[in-house]
Every structure is written in structure tokens, then in C-alpha cells.
Amino acid sequence: MKLFIAEKPAVANDIVKALGGNFTRHDGWFESDNTIVTNCFGHIIESQPPENYNPEYKEWKIETLPL
């Protein structure tokens, strides 16, 4: 079974179109024999401030670039 999670409904629709095949539309997801495509609303992940990855990155220094 494959699961695709899109950021928004329009992207889920695009994934279904790109995959092709015989998908059944349900309330909030699409399903085929071995694939489910669903979506969230809004951003799923986001970047954190550089210092959350490494305290050394709190102050910008040319020596620490690129991150």
C-alpha cells in the first residue's frame, strides 16, 4: 500500500491525475487498489530558526555558511 499526503486538496487531485488508474473518491481521500491519496490543510512542516538546528548558527558568521 502506498500513501500520498498532499498539502492541500488541489495537490491531492493533481497527484491522482498524475498517477492515473482507477481511483474512487471518498470524503477526504482517493483510493485505488494499492494507493491512497489524502490531504492536509495548510503547511505540514516549516523551517525553524537556525539556532534551533545548532546554537552556533544564532549569530551570522561567514565561517558557518552554508548551513
N, C-alpha and C. Protein backbone atom coordinates (compact mmCIF):
# COMPACT_ATOMS: atom_id res chain seq x y z
N MET A 1 0.85 -1.18 0.00
CA MET A 1 0.00 0.00 0.00
C MET A 1 0.89 1.24 0.00
N LYS A 2 0.55 2.21 -0.84
CA LYS A 2 1.25 3.49 -0.89
C LYS A 2 0.31 4.57 -0.39
N LEU A 3 0.85 5.51 0.41
CA LEU A 3 0.08 6.63 0.93
C LEU A 3 0.76 7.92 0.49
N PHE A 4 0.00 8.79 -0.15
CA PHE A 4 0.47 10.11 -0.53
C PHE A 4 -0.31 11.13 0.29
N ILE A 5 0.40 12.03 0.98
CA ILE A 5 -0.24 13.08 1.77
C ILE A 5 0.14 14.41 1.14
N ALA A 6 -0.86 15.11 0.61
CA ALA A 6 -0.64 16.39 -0.05
C ALA A 6 -0.91 17.53 0.93
N GLU A 7 -0.37 18.70 0.60
CA GLU A 7 -0.55 19.87 1.46
C GLU A 7 -1.97 20.41 1.40
N LYS A 8 -2.62 20.28 0.23
CA LYS A 8 -3.97 20.81 0.08
C LYS A 8 -4.74 19.98 -0.94
N PRO A 9 -6.06 20.11 -0.97
CA PRO A 9 -6.89 19.29 -1.85
C PRO A 9 -6.51 19.38 -3.33
N ALA A 10 -6.18 20.56 -3.82
CA ALA A 10 -5.83 20.70 -5.23
C ALA A 10 -4.61 19.86 -5.59
N VAL A 11 -3.65 19.79 -4.68
CA VAL A 11 -2.45 18.99 -4.93
C VAL A 11 -2.80 17.50 -4.91
N ALA A 12 -3.68 17.09 -4.00
CA ALA A 12 -4.13 15.70 -3.98
C ALA A 12 -4.78 15.33 -5.31
N ASN A 13 -5.62 16.22 -5.84
CA ASN A 13 -6.24 15.98 -7.15
C ASN A 13 -5.18 15.83 -8.23
N ASP A 14 -4.17 16.68 -8.21
CA ASP A 14 -3.09 16.60 -9.20
C ASP A 14 -2.32 15.29 -9.10
N ILE A 15 -2.08 14.83 -7.88
CA ILE A 15 -1.37 13.56 -7.69
C ILE A 15 -2.18 12.42 -8.28
N VAL A 16 -3.48 12.41 -8.02
CA VAL A 16 -4.35 11.36 -8.56
C VAL A 16 -4.31 11.38 -10.09
N LYS A 17 -4.38 12.56 -10.67
CA LYS A 17 -4.31 12.67 -12.14
C LYS A 17 -2.97 12.16 -12.66
N ALA A 18 -1.89 12.51 -11.98
CA ALA A 18 -0.56 12.09 -12.43
C ALA A 18 -0.36 10.58 -12.31
N LEU A 19 -0.92 9.99 -11.26
CA LEU A 19 -0.78 8.55 -11.07
C LEU A 19 -1.62 7.76 -12.06
N GLY A 20 -2.74 8.34 -12.46
CA GLY A 20 -3.64 7.63 -13.37
C GLY A 20 -4.28 6.44 -12.66
N GLY A 21 -4.91 5.59 -13.40
CA GLY A 21 -5.52 4.42 -12.80
C GLY A 21 -6.95 4.69 -12.37
N ASN A 22 -7.49 3.74 -11.65
CA ASN A 22 -8.90 3.77 -11.25
C ASN A 22 -9.01 4.14 -9.77
N PHE A 23 -9.19 5.41 -9.48
CA PHE A 23 -9.33 5.88 -8.10
C PHE A 23 -10.80 6.12 -7.77
N THR A 24 -11.18 5.78 -6.56
CA THR A 24 -12.51 6.09 -6.04
C THR A 24 -12.38 7.27 -5.10
N ARG A 25 -13.25 8.26 -5.27
CA ARG A 25 -13.21 9.44 -4.41
C ARG A 25 -14.05 9.20 -3.17
N HIS A 26 -13.49 9.46 -2.01
CA HIS A 26 -14.18 9.37 -0.73
C HIS A 26 -14.19 10.76 -0.11
N ASP A 27 -14.77 10.90 1.06
CA ASP A 27 -14.81 12.20 1.74
C ASP A 27 -13.45 12.46 2.39
N GLY A 28 -12.56 13.11 1.65
CA GLY A 28 -11.25 13.46 2.19
C GLY A 28 -10.10 12.64 1.65
N TRP A 29 -10.36 11.65 0.80
CA TRP A 29 -9.27 10.88 0.23
C TRP A 29 -9.70 10.18 -1.05
N PHE A 30 -8.70 9.74 -1.81
CA PHE A 30 -8.90 8.95 -3.02
C PHE A 30 -8.27 7.58 -2.76
N GLU A 31 -8.87 6.53 -3.32
CA GLU A 31 -8.36 5.19 -3.08
C GLU A 31 -8.38 4.38 -4.37
N SER A 32 -7.29 3.64 -4.60
CA SER A 32 -7.24 2.66 -5.67
C SER A 32 -6.89 1.32 -5.03
N ASP A 33 -6.56 0.33 -5.84
CA ASP A 33 -6.27 -1.00 -5.29
C ASP A 33 -5.13 -0.99 -4.27
N ASN A 34 -4.09 -0.20 -4.53
CA ASN A 34 -2.93 -0.23 -3.64
C ASN A 34 -2.42 1.16 -3.26
N THR A 35 -3.24 2.20 -3.48
CA THR A 35 -2.78 3.57 -3.22
C THR A 35 -3.89 4.39 -2.58
N ILE A 36 -3.51 5.21 -1.60
CA ILE A 36 -4.42 6.18 -1.01
C ILE A 36 -3.76 7.55 -1.14
N VAL A 37 -4.55 8.53 -1.57
CA VAL A 37 -4.08 9.91 -1.67
C VAL A 37 -5.01 10.75 -0.80
N THR A 38 -4.44 11.48 0.14
CA THR A 38 -5.23 12.34 1.02
C THR A 38 -4.52 13.68 1.15
N ASN A 39 -5.11 14.58 1.90
CA ASN A 39 -4.50 15.90 2.04
C ASN A 39 -4.71 16.48 3.42
N CYS A 40 -3.84 17.42 3.74
CA CYS A 40 -3.97 18.26 4.93
C CYS A 40 -4.44 19.62 4.46
N PHE A 41 -4.52 20.55 5.37
CA PHE A 41 -4.82 21.93 5.02
C PHE A 41 -3.73 22.80 5.62
N GLY A 42 -3.08 23.60 4.79
CA GLY A 42 -2.02 24.47 5.28
C GLY A 42 -0.68 23.77 5.23
N HIS A 43 0.32 24.41 5.79
CA HIS A 43 1.68 23.88 5.74
C HIS A 43 1.83 22.72 6.70
N ILE A 44 2.45 21.66 6.22
CA ILE A 44 2.65 20.46 7.02
C ILE A 44 3.89 20.61 7.89
N ILE A 45 4.95 21.17 7.31
CA ILE A 45 6.19 21.41 8.06
C ILE A 45 6.68 22.81 7.75
N GLU A 46 7.54 23.31 8.57
CA GLU A 46 8.14 24.61 8.32
C GLU A 46 9.55 24.63 8.90
N SER A 47 10.35 25.52 8.38
CA SER A 47 11.72 25.67 8.87
C SER A 47 11.71 26.31 10.25
N GLN A 48 12.75 26.03 10.99
CA GLN A 48 12.94 26.61 12.31
C GLN A 48 14.06 27.65 12.22
N PRO A 49 14.17 28.51 13.23
CA PRO A 49 15.30 29.44 13.24
C PRO A 49 16.61 28.66 13.24
N PRO A 50 17.64 29.19 12.62
CA PRO A 50 18.91 28.46 12.51
C PRO A 50 19.45 27.95 13.85
N GLU A 51 19.28 28.73 14.91
CA GLU A 51 19.83 28.31 16.21
C GLU A 51 19.14 27.07 16.78
N ASN A 52 17.95 26.74 16.29
CA ASN A 52 17.30 25.51 16.73
C ASN A 52 18.00 24.27 16.17
N TYR A 53 18.71 24.43 15.07
CA TYR A 53 19.46 23.33 14.48
C TYR A 53 20.84 23.21 15.11
N ASN A 54 21.43 24.35 15.42
CA ASN A 54 22.76 24.37 16.02
C ASN A 54 22.94 25.74 16.69
N PRO A 55 23.20 25.78 18.00
CA PRO A 55 23.35 27.07 18.70
C PRO A 55 24.41 27.97 18.07
N GLU A 56 25.38 27.37 17.39
CA GLU A 56 26.43 28.15 16.73
C GLU A 56 25.86 29.05 15.62
N TYR A 57 24.70 28.71 15.10
CA TYR A 57 24.11 29.48 14.00
C TYR A 57 23.30 30.70 14.46
N LYS A 58 23.22 30.94 15.78
CA LYS A 58 22.43 32.07 16.27
C LYS A 58 22.99 33.40 15.76
N GLU A 59 24.31 33.52 15.76
CA GLU A 59 24.95 34.72 15.22
C GLU A 59 25.47 34.39 13.83
N TRP A 60 25.14 35.25 12.87
CA TRP A 60 25.58 35.01 11.50
C TRP A 60 27.08 35.26 11.37
N LYS A 61 27.78 34.24 10.88
CA LYS A 61 29.22 34.33 10.64
C LYS A 61 29.50 33.69 9.29
N ILE A 62 30.38 34.28 8.55
CA ILE A 62 30.73 33.75 7.23
C ILE A 62 31.30 32.33 7.35
N GLU A 63 31.95 32.04 8.48
CA GLU A 63 32.57 30.73 8.68
C GLU A 63 31.55 29.60 8.77
N THR A 64 30.34 29.91 9.20
CA THR A 64 29.33 28.85 9.37
C THR A 64 28.47 28.64 8.13
N LEU A 65 28.71 29.43 7.08
CA LEU A 65 27.92 29.28 5.86
C LEU A 65 28.59 28.30 4.90
N PRO A 66 27.89 27.55 4.11
CA PRO A 66 26.43 27.44 4.13
C PRO A 66 25.98 26.56 5.30
N LEU A 67 24.74 26.72 5.71
CA LEU A 67 24.20 25.93 6.82
C LEU A 67 24.02 24.50 6.40
